[in-house]
């Protein structure tokens, strides 16, 4: 990923809140949780665990109903949703020092094996804001048979606080 084109004006020293403004990215609203036994974020010491979330407007199986490009865009939207949740929990995205780990679950049609291409949508959105050194943590991308509500992509993450 280190050789991909950088967004105009990219600088790894620019805080993520400023990068959002520079890129004109408006983070999406995230609906209220639908149950009292759920939480989106858990902060433990300097680690923040972000619950699985996804773009519920992209439904179906990647590789049959959903094109890889559409699933990657859903993963990108999910990255922005995670940023919304982190901002709400922490007060500012600038408190996130680095992305430690992401797990990308792709609702895959039989025989579909390009889950990493879907996961790139998430990783690239985060790297736009934090740069490769802090935005690209460990990552797993796996195919699954089903996801809640028929979503094509769900992602969970772990970040470290500054």
N, C-alpha and C. Protein backbone atom coordinates (compact mmCIF):
# COMPACT_ATOMS: atom_id res chain seq x y z
N UNK A 1 0.81 -1.19 0.00
CA UNK A 1 0.00 0.00 0.00
C UNK A 1 0.86 1.26 0.00
N UNK A 2 2.13 1.14 0.32
CA UNK A 2 2.98 2.29 0.43
C UNK A 2 3.21 3.00 -0.90
N UNK A 3 2.94 2.36 -2.05
CA UNK A 3 3.20 2.99 -3.33
C UNK A 3 1.96 3.60 -3.97
N UNK A 4 0.81 3.57 -3.29
CA UNK A 4 -0.39 4.14 -3.91
C UNK A 4 -0.33 5.66 -3.86
N UNK A 5 -1.09 6.29 -4.72
CA UNK A 5 -1.09 7.76 -4.81
C UNK A 5 -1.60 8.36 -3.51
N UNK A 6 -0.98 9.43 -3.09
CA UNK A 6 -1.37 10.14 -1.88
C UNK A 6 -2.44 11.17 -2.23
N UNK A 7 -3.37 11.43 -1.30
CA UNK A 7 -4.32 12.51 -1.53
C UNK A 7 -3.58 13.84 -1.65
N UNK A 8 -4.12 14.80 -2.40
CA UNK A 8 -3.46 16.09 -2.53
C UNK A 8 -3.21 16.71 -1.16
N UNK A 9 -2.01 17.23 -0.97
CA UNK A 9 -1.69 17.90 0.28
C UNK A 9 -1.45 16.99 1.45
N UNK A 10 -1.33 15.69 1.22
CA UNK A 10 -1.17 14.74 2.32
C UNK A 10 0.12 15.00 3.08
N UNK A 11 0.02 14.97 4.39
CA UNK A 11 1.19 15.06 5.25
C UNK A 11 0.93 14.20 6.47
N UNK A 12 1.84 13.28 6.81
CA UNK A 12 1.60 12.42 7.96
C UNK A 12 1.57 13.19 9.28
N UNK A 13 2.05 14.45 9.29
CA UNK A 13 2.05 15.22 10.53
C UNK A 13 0.76 16.02 10.73
N UNK A 14 -0.16 15.98 9.77
CA UNK A 14 -1.42 16.71 9.88
C UNK A 14 -2.38 15.87 10.72
N UNK A 15 -2.94 16.44 11.79
CA UNK A 15 -3.88 15.68 12.63
C UNK A 15 -5.11 15.23 11.83
N UNK A 16 -5.69 14.09 12.20
CA UNK A 16 -6.81 13.55 11.43
C UNK A 16 -8.02 14.48 11.34
N UNK A 17 -8.31 15.24 12.39
CA UNK A 17 -9.45 16.17 12.32
C UNK A 17 -9.21 17.22 11.24
N UNK A 18 -7.98 17.68 11.12
CA UNK A 18 -7.63 18.65 10.08
C UNK A 18 -7.70 18.00 8.70
N UNK A 19 -7.23 16.74 8.58
CA UNK A 19 -7.28 16.03 7.29
C UNK A 19 -8.73 15.88 6.83
N UNK A 20 -9.64 15.58 7.76
CA UNK A 20 -11.06 15.49 7.39
C UNK A 20 -11.52 16.78 6.72
N UNK A 21 -11.18 17.90 7.35
CA UNK A 21 -11.59 19.21 6.80
C UNK A 21 -10.94 19.44 5.44
N UNK A 22 -9.64 19.15 5.33
CA UNK A 22 -8.93 19.37 4.07
C UNK A 22 -9.52 18.55 2.93
N UNK A 23 -9.91 17.33 3.24
CA UNK A 23 -10.45 16.43 2.21
C UNK A 23 -11.95 16.65 1.97
N UNK A 24 -12.58 17.47 2.81
CA UNK A 24 -14.02 17.72 2.68
C UNK A 24 -14.87 16.52 3.07
N UNK A 25 -14.34 15.67 3.92
CA UNK A 25 -15.09 14.48 4.35
C UNK A 25 -16.00 14.86 5.50
N UNK A 26 -17.29 14.60 5.33
CA UNK A 26 -18.27 14.79 6.39
C UNK A 26 -18.60 13.40 6.92
N UNK A 27 -18.30 13.19 8.18
CA UNK A 27 -18.56 11.87 8.76
C UNK A 27 -20.06 11.62 8.85
N UNK A 28 -20.48 10.39 8.57
CA UNK A 28 -21.91 10.08 8.59
C UNK A 28 -22.45 10.00 10.01
N UNK A 29 -23.73 10.30 10.14
CA UNK A 29 -24.40 10.08 11.42
C UNK A 29 -24.54 8.57 11.60
N UNK A 30 -24.44 8.13 12.83
CA UNK A 30 -24.60 6.71 13.13
C UNK A 30 -25.84 6.58 13.99
N UNK A 31 -26.81 5.75 13.56
CA UNK A 31 -28.05 5.63 14.32
C UNK A 31 -27.81 5.09 15.73
N UNK A 32 -28.75 5.41 16.60
CA UNK A 32 -28.67 4.91 17.97
C UNK A 32 -28.68 3.39 17.97
N UNK A 33 -28.04 2.82 18.98
CA UNK A 33 -28.05 1.36 19.12
C UNK A 33 -29.46 0.86 19.37
N UNK A 34 -29.76 -0.32 18.88
CA UNK A 34 -31.11 -0.84 19.00
C UNK A 34 -31.32 -1.77 20.20
N UNK A 35 -30.43 -1.72 21.14
CA UNK A 35 -30.60 -2.56 22.33
C UNK A 35 -29.72 -2.10 23.47
N UNK A 36 -30.17 -2.29 24.69
CA UNK A 36 -29.40 -1.84 25.85
C UNK A 36 -28.18 -2.70 26.16
N UNK A 37 -28.04 -3.85 25.54
CA UNK A 37 -26.95 -4.75 25.85
C UNK A 37 -25.81 -4.64 24.83
N UNK A 38 -25.76 -3.51 24.15
CA UNK A 38 -24.74 -3.28 23.13
C UNK A 38 -23.96 -2.03 23.47
N UNK A 39 -22.69 -2.02 23.10
CA UNK A 39 -21.87 -0.82 23.19
C UNK A 39 -20.98 -0.76 21.97
N UNK A 40 -20.74 0.44 21.48
CA UNK A 40 -19.93 0.57 20.27
C UNK A 40 -18.44 0.64 20.56
N UNK A 41 -18.10 1.18 21.73
CA UNK A 41 -16.70 1.43 22.05
C UNK A 41 -16.42 1.03 23.49
N UNK A 42 -15.30 0.35 23.68
CA UNK A 42 -14.81 0.05 25.03
C UNK A 42 -13.38 0.57 25.10
N UNK A 43 -13.12 1.41 26.10
CA UNK A 43 -11.77 1.93 26.32
C UNK A 43 -11.16 1.17 27.50
N UNK A 44 -10.02 0.56 27.26
CA UNK A 44 -9.29 -0.17 28.30
C UNK A 44 -7.84 0.27 28.26
N UNK A 45 -7.43 0.98 29.30
CA UNK A 45 -6.09 1.55 29.34
C UNK A 45 -5.91 2.44 28.11
N UNK A 46 -4.92 2.17 27.27
CA UNK A 46 -4.70 2.98 26.08
C UNK A 46 -5.27 2.36 24.81
N UNK A 47 -6.01 1.26 24.94
CA UNK A 47 -6.62 0.63 23.77
C UNK A 47 -8.11 0.93 23.71
N UNK A 48 -8.59 1.11 22.49
CA UNK A 48 -10.01 1.32 22.25
C UNK A 48 -10.48 0.22 21.31
N UNK A 49 -11.49 -0.52 21.75
CA UNK A 49 -12.06 -1.60 20.96
C UNK A 49 -13.36 -1.08 20.35
N UNK A 50 -13.45 -1.11 19.03
CA UNK A 50 -14.62 -0.60 18.31
C UNK A 50 -15.40 -1.80 17.78
N UNK A 51 -16.67 -1.86 18.19
CA UNK A 51 -17.53 -2.99 17.79
C UNK A 51 -17.72 -3.04 16.29
N UNK A 52 -18.10 -4.21 15.82
CA UNK A 52 -18.38 -4.40 14.41
C UNK A 52 -19.51 -3.50 13.94
N UNK A 53 -19.34 -2.97 12.74
CA UNK A 53 -20.33 -2.08 12.13
C UNK A 53 -20.20 -2.23 10.62
N UNK A 54 -21.20 -1.76 9.92
CA UNK A 54 -21.15 -1.84 8.47
C UNK A 54 -22.14 -0.90 7.82
N UNK A 55 -22.02 -0.77 6.52
CA UNK A 55 -22.91 0.07 5.72
C UNK A 55 -24.14 -0.76 5.38
N UNK A 56 -25.24 -0.50 6.07
CA UNK A 56 -26.43 -1.33 5.88
C UNK A 56 -27.22 -0.98 4.61
N UNK A 57 -26.63 -0.14 3.75
CA UNK A 57 -27.26 0.11 2.46
C UNK A 57 -26.70 -0.80 1.37
N UNK A 58 -25.63 -1.53 1.69
CA UNK A 58 -25.03 -2.46 0.72
C UNK A 58 -25.26 -3.86 1.25
N UNK A 59 -26.21 -4.54 0.63
CA UNK A 59 -26.63 -5.86 1.08
C UNK A 59 -26.38 -6.91 0.01
N UNK A 60 -26.07 -8.11 0.45
CA UNK A 60 -25.90 -9.22 -0.49
C UNK A 60 -24.55 -9.88 -0.34
N UNK A 61 -24.30 -10.80 -1.24
CA UNK A 61 -23.06 -11.57 -1.24
C UNK A 61 -22.06 -10.97 -2.21
N UNK A 62 -20.88 -10.67 -1.71
CA UNK A 62 -19.84 -10.12 -2.56
C UNK A 62 -19.37 -11.23 -3.49
N UNK A 63 -19.28 -10.92 -4.75
CA UNK A 63 -18.89 -11.91 -5.75
C UNK A 63 -20.08 -12.44 -6.53
N UNK A 64 -21.31 -12.13 -6.08
CA UNK A 64 -22.48 -12.48 -6.88
C UNK A 64 -23.44 -11.29 -6.92
N UNK A 65 -24.01 -10.90 -5.78
CA UNK A 65 -24.97 -9.77 -5.74
C UNK A 65 -24.27 -8.42 -5.69
N UNK A 66 -23.09 -8.38 -5.09
CA UNK A 66 -22.38 -7.13 -4.83
C UNK A 66 -21.01 -7.17 -5.50
N UNK A 67 -20.71 -6.16 -6.29
CA UNK A 67 -19.39 -6.06 -6.93
C UNK A 67 -18.33 -5.72 -5.89
N UNK A 68 -17.11 -6.13 -6.15
CA UNK A 68 -16.00 -5.85 -5.25
C UNK A 68 -15.87 -4.35 -5.00
N UNK A 69 -16.02 -3.54 -6.05
CA UNK A 69 -15.89 -2.09 -5.91
C UNK A 69 -16.95 -1.53 -4.98
N UNK A 70 -18.18 -2.05 -5.07
CA UNK A 70 -19.26 -1.58 -4.19
C UNK A 70 -19.01 -2.01 -2.75
N UNK A 71 -18.50 -3.20 -2.58
CA UNK A 71 -18.18 -3.68 -1.23
C UNK A 71 -17.03 -2.86 -0.63
N UNK A 72 -16.04 -2.51 -1.45
CA UNK A 72 -14.93 -1.68 -0.97
C UNK A 72 -15.44 -0.29 -0.57
N UNK A 73 -16.41 0.26 -1.33
CA UNK A 73 -17.01 1.55 -0.93
C UNK A 73 -17.77 1.40 0.38
N UNK A 74 -18.44 0.27 0.58
CA UNK A 74 -19.14 0.02 1.85
C UNK A 74 -18.13 -0.06 3.00
N UNK A 75 -16.98 -0.67 2.74
CA UNK A 75 -15.93 -0.74 3.76
C UNK A 75 -15.41 0.67 4.07
N UNK A 76 -15.27 1.50 3.06
CA UNK A 76 -14.84 2.89 3.26
C UNK A 76 -15.86 3.64 4.11
N UNK A 77 -17.14 3.48 3.79
CA UNK A 77 -18.19 4.11 4.60
C UNK A 77 -18.12 3.63 6.03
N UNK A 78 -17.82 2.36 6.22
CA UNK A 78 -17.70 1.81 7.57
C UNK A 78 -16.53 2.45 8.31
N UNK A 79 -15.44 2.72 7.62
CA UNK A 79 -14.31 3.42 8.25
C UNK A 79 -14.76 4.79 8.74
N UNK A 80 -15.54 5.48 7.94
CA UNK A 80 -16.03 6.79 8.35
C UNK A 80 -17.03 6.67 9.50
N UNK A 81 -17.84 5.63 9.49
CA UNK A 81 -18.75 5.40 10.63
C UNK A 81 -17.94 5.14 11.90
N UNK A 82 -16.88 4.36 11.80
CA UNK A 82 -16.03 4.13 12.96
C UNK A 82 -15.41 5.44 13.46
N UNK A 83 -15.04 6.31 12.54
CA UNK A 83 -14.50 7.61 12.95
C UNK A 83 -15.56 8.42 13.70
N UNK A 84 -16.80 8.36 13.24
CA UNK A 84 -17.89 9.05 13.95
C UNK A 84 -18.00 8.52 15.38
N UNK A 85 -18.01 7.21 15.51
CA UNK A 85 -18.14 6.58 16.83
C UNK A 85 -16.96 6.93 17.72
N UNK A 86 -15.76 6.90 17.17
CA UNK A 86 -14.58 7.26 17.95
C UNK A 86 -14.62 8.72 18.39
N UNK A 87 -15.01 9.59 17.48
CA UNK A 87 -15.10 11.01 17.84
C UNK A 87 -16.11 11.21 18.97
N UNK A 88 -17.26 10.54 18.87
CA UNK A 88 -18.28 10.66 19.92
C UNK A 88 -17.75 10.15 21.27
N UNK A 89 -17.00 9.05 21.24
CA UNK A 89 -16.51 8.45 22.48
C UNK A 89 -15.31 9.20 23.06
N UNK A 90 -14.46 9.74 22.20
CA UNK A 90 -13.19 10.32 22.66
C UNK A 90 -13.17 11.85 22.64
N UNK A 91 -14.13 12.45 21.95
CA UNK A 91 -14.15 13.90 21.84
C UNK A 91 -13.43 14.43 20.62
N UNK A 92 -12.44 13.70 20.12
CA UNK A 92 -11.68 14.11 18.94
C UNK A 92 -10.92 12.90 18.38
N UNK A 93 -10.85 12.85 17.06
CA UNK A 93 -10.06 11.79 16.43
C UNK A 93 -8.57 11.98 16.67
N UNK A 94 -8.18 13.18 17.04
CA UNK A 94 -6.78 13.46 17.30
C UNK A 94 -6.25 12.70 18.51
N UNK A 95 -7.13 12.15 19.33
CA UNK A 95 -6.70 11.35 20.47
C UNK A 95 -6.23 9.96 20.07
N UNK A 96 -6.57 9.54 18.84
CA UNK A 96 -6.15 8.23 18.34
C UNK A 96 -4.70 8.34 17.87
N UNK A 97 -3.83 7.59 18.53
CA UNK A 97 -2.42 7.60 18.15
C UNK A 97 -2.16 6.76 16.91
N UNK A 98 -2.74 5.54 16.90
CA UNK A 98 -2.53 4.66 15.75
C UNK A 98 -3.62 3.60 15.70
N UNK A 99 -3.80 3.03 14.51
CA UNK A 99 -4.71 1.90 14.32
C UNK A 99 -3.89 0.64 14.54
N UNK A 100 -4.38 -0.22 15.42
CA UNK A 100 -3.63 -1.40 15.83
C UNK A 100 -4.06 -2.62 15.01
N UNK A 101 -5.37 -2.83 14.87
CA UNK A 101 -5.88 -4.05 14.23
C UNK A 101 -7.26 -3.82 13.67
N UNK A 102 -7.52 -4.33 12.49
CA UNK A 102 -8.87 -4.35 11.94
C UNK A 102 -9.19 -5.77 11.49
N UNK A 103 -10.45 -6.12 11.68
CA UNK A 103 -10.97 -7.39 11.19
C UNK A 103 -12.12 -7.06 10.25
N UNK A 104 -11.95 -7.43 9.00
CA UNK A 104 -12.95 -7.16 7.97
C UNK A 104 -13.64 -8.47 7.61
N UNK A 105 -14.94 -8.50 7.82
CA UNK A 105 -15.76 -9.68 7.50
C UNK A 105 -16.52 -9.38 6.21
N UNK A 106 -16.38 -10.24 5.24
CA UNK A 106 -17.00 -10.05 3.93
C UNK A 106 -17.99 -11.18 3.70
N UNK A 107 -19.25 -10.82 3.53
CA UNK A 107 -20.28 -11.82 3.22
C UNK A 107 -20.03 -12.27 1.78
N UNK A 108 -19.45 -13.46 1.65
CA UNK A 108 -18.89 -13.90 0.38
C UNK A 108 -19.73 -14.97 -0.30
N UNK A 109 -19.89 -14.80 -1.62
CA UNK A 109 -20.52 -15.83 -2.44
C UNK A 109 -19.57 -17.04 -2.50
N UNK A 110 -20.11 -18.23 -2.72
CA UNK A 110 -19.23 -19.40 -2.85
C UNK A 110 -18.17 -19.16 -3.92
N UNK A 111 -16.94 -19.47 -3.57
CA UNK A 111 -15.83 -19.32 -4.50
C UNK A 111 -15.19 -17.94 -4.52
N UNK A 112 -15.80 -16.96 -3.87
CA UNK A 112 -15.21 -15.62 -3.85
C UNK A 112 -14.00 -15.62 -2.91
N UNK A 113 -12.87 -15.13 -3.38
CA UNK A 113 -11.64 -15.18 -2.59
C UNK A 113 -10.85 -13.88 -2.61
N UNK A 114 -11.51 -12.76 -2.91
CA UNK A 114 -10.79 -11.49 -2.98
C UNK A 114 -11.19 -10.55 -1.83
N UNK A 115 -11.32 -11.12 -0.63
CA UNK A 115 -11.67 -10.33 0.54
C UNK A 115 -10.69 -9.18 0.80
N UNK A 116 -9.37 -9.36 0.56
CA UNK A 116 -8.45 -8.24 0.78
C UNK A 116 -8.77 -7.01 -0.07
N UNK A 117 -9.28 -7.19 -1.28
CA UNK A 117 -9.64 -6.05 -2.13
C UNK A 117 -10.79 -5.26 -1.50
N UNK A 118 -11.71 -5.95 -0.86
CA UNK A 118 -12.81 -5.29 -0.15
C UNK A 118 -12.25 -4.53 1.05
N UNK A 119 -11.39 -5.19 1.82
CA UNK A 119 -10.82 -4.59 3.02
C UNK A 119 -10.00 -3.35 2.70
N UNK A 120 -9.44 -3.27 1.51
CA UNK A 120 -8.65 -2.10 1.12
C UNK A 120 -9.47 -0.81 1.19
N UNK A 121 -10.77 -0.90 0.96
CA UNK A 121 -11.62 0.30 1.07
C UNK A 121 -11.55 0.90 2.46
N UNK A 122 -11.55 0.06 3.48
CA UNK A 122 -11.45 0.51 4.87
C UNK A 122 -10.04 1.04 5.14
N UNK A 123 -9.06 0.25 4.81
CA UNK A 123 -7.67 0.60 5.11
C UNK A 123 -7.26 1.92 4.44
N UNK A 124 -7.66 2.11 3.20
CA UNK A 124 -7.30 3.32 2.48
C UNK A 124 -7.96 4.55 3.09
N UNK A 125 -9.20 4.42 3.55
CA UNK A 125 -9.89 5.55 4.19
C UNK A 125 -9.18 5.96 5.47
N UNK A 126 -8.73 4.99 6.25
CA UNK A 126 -8.03 5.29 7.50
C UNK A 126 -6.65 5.87 7.20
N UNK A 127 -5.94 5.32 6.22
CA UNK A 127 -4.61 5.81 5.87
C UNK A 127 -4.67 7.24 5.33
N UNK A 128 -5.77 7.64 4.69
CA UNK A 128 -5.93 9.03 4.25
C UNK A 128 -5.86 10.00 5.42
N UNK A 129 -6.34 9.56 6.57
CA UNK A 129 -6.42 10.44 7.74
C UNK A 129 -5.21 10.33 8.66
N UNK A 130 -4.66 9.13 8.83
CA UNK A 130 -3.55 8.92 9.76
C UNK A 130 -2.22 8.64 9.07
N UNK A 131 -2.23 8.44 7.76
CA UNK A 131 -1.02 8.05 7.06
C UNK A 131 -0.77 6.56 7.21
N UNK A 132 0.12 6.02 6.39
CA UNK A 132 0.40 4.59 6.43
C UNK A 132 1.02 4.15 7.75
N UNK A 133 1.94 4.94 8.28
CA UNK A 133 2.66 4.53 9.49
C UNK A 133 1.75 4.35 10.69
N UNK A 134 0.72 5.18 10.82
CA UNK A 134 -0.17 5.10 11.97
C UNK A 134 -1.54 4.54 11.62
N UNK A 135 -1.91 4.58 10.36
CA UNK A 135 -3.24 4.16 9.93
C UNK A 135 -3.33 2.71 9.50
N UNK A 136 -2.20 2.11 9.16
CA UNK A 136 -2.22 0.73 8.70
C UNK A 136 -1.68 -0.18 9.79
N UNK A 137 -2.59 -0.76 10.55
CA UNK A 137 -2.20 -1.72 11.57
C UNK A 137 -2.29 -3.13 11.00
N UNK A 138 -2.26 -4.10 11.87
CA UNK A 138 -2.48 -5.48 11.46
C UNK A 138 -3.91 -5.60 10.93
N UNK A 139 -4.12 -6.48 9.96
CA UNK A 139 -5.45 -6.59 9.36
C UNK A 139 -5.73 -8.02 8.96
N UNK A 140 -6.97 -8.43 9.18
CA UNK A 140 -7.45 -9.70 8.67
C UNK A 140 -8.70 -9.43 7.85
N UNK A 141 -8.83 -10.14 6.74
CA UNK A 141 -10.02 -10.04 5.90
C UNK A 141 -10.48 -11.46 5.61
N UNK A 142 -11.66 -11.79 6.09
CA UNK A 142 -12.13 -13.16 5.91
C UNK A 142 -13.54 -13.18 5.31
N UNK A 143 -13.83 -14.25 4.61
CA UNK A 143 -15.16 -14.46 4.06
C UNK A 143 -16.03 -15.18 5.06
N UNK A 144 -17.29 -14.74 5.14
CA UNK A 144 -18.26 -15.37 6.03
C UNK A 144 -19.54 -15.67 5.25
N UNK A 145 -20.33 -16.57 5.80
CA UNK A 145 -21.57 -16.96 5.12
C UNK A 145 -22.68 -15.94 5.31
N UNK A 146 -22.75 -15.32 6.49
CA UNK A 146 -23.82 -14.37 6.78
C UNK A 146 -23.31 -13.24 7.66
N UNK A 147 -23.96 -12.09 7.55
CA UNK A 147 -23.71 -10.95 8.42
C UNK A 147 -25.07 -10.37 8.83
N UNK A 148 -25.12 -9.64 9.93
CA UNK A 148 -26.40 -9.08 10.41
C UNK A 148 -27.12 -8.27 9.34
N UNK A 149 -28.40 -8.51 9.20
CA UNK A 149 -29.22 -7.77 8.25
C UNK A 149 -28.86 -7.98 6.80
N UNK A 150 -28.00 -8.95 6.51
CA UNK A 150 -27.60 -9.21 5.13
C UNK A 150 -26.53 -8.26 4.61
N UNK A 151 -25.89 -7.49 5.53
CA UNK A 151 -24.83 -6.57 5.09
C UNK A 151 -23.75 -7.33 4.34
N UNK A 152 -23.12 -6.64 3.38
CA UNK A 152 -22.04 -7.25 2.60
C UNK A 152 -20.71 -7.21 3.36
N UNK A 153 -20.53 -6.21 4.24
CA UNK A 153 -19.25 -6.01 4.92
C UNK A 153 -19.50 -5.56 6.36
N UNK A 154 -18.73 -6.11 7.27
CA UNK A 154 -18.71 -5.64 8.66
C UNK A 154 -17.26 -5.55 9.10
N UNK A 155 -16.94 -4.51 9.88
CA UNK A 155 -15.56 -4.31 10.31
C UNK A 155 -15.54 -3.99 11.80
N UNK A 156 -14.57 -4.56 12.50
CA UNK A 156 -14.29 -4.16 13.88
C UNK A 156 -12.84 -3.71 13.94
N UNK A 157 -12.52 -2.90 14.95
CA UNK A 157 -11.18 -2.32 14.99
C UNK A 157 -10.68 -2.16 16.43
N UNK A 158 -9.36 -2.07 16.54
CA UNK A 158 -8.70 -1.73 17.79
C UNK A 158 -7.75 -0.59 17.48
N UNK A 159 -7.83 0.48 18.28
CA UNK A 159 -6.94 1.62 18.12
C UNK A 159 -6.26 1.91 19.44
N UNK A 160 -5.11 2.57 19.36
CA UNK A 160 -4.36 2.98 20.55
C UNK A 160 -4.51 4.47 20.74
N UNK A 161 -4.64 4.89 22.00
CA UNK A 161 -4.75 6.31 22.32
C UNK A 161 -3.38 6.93 22.50
N UNK A 162 -3.29 8.20 22.17
CA UNK A 162 -2.05 8.95 22.36
C UNK A 162 -1.81 9.17 23.85
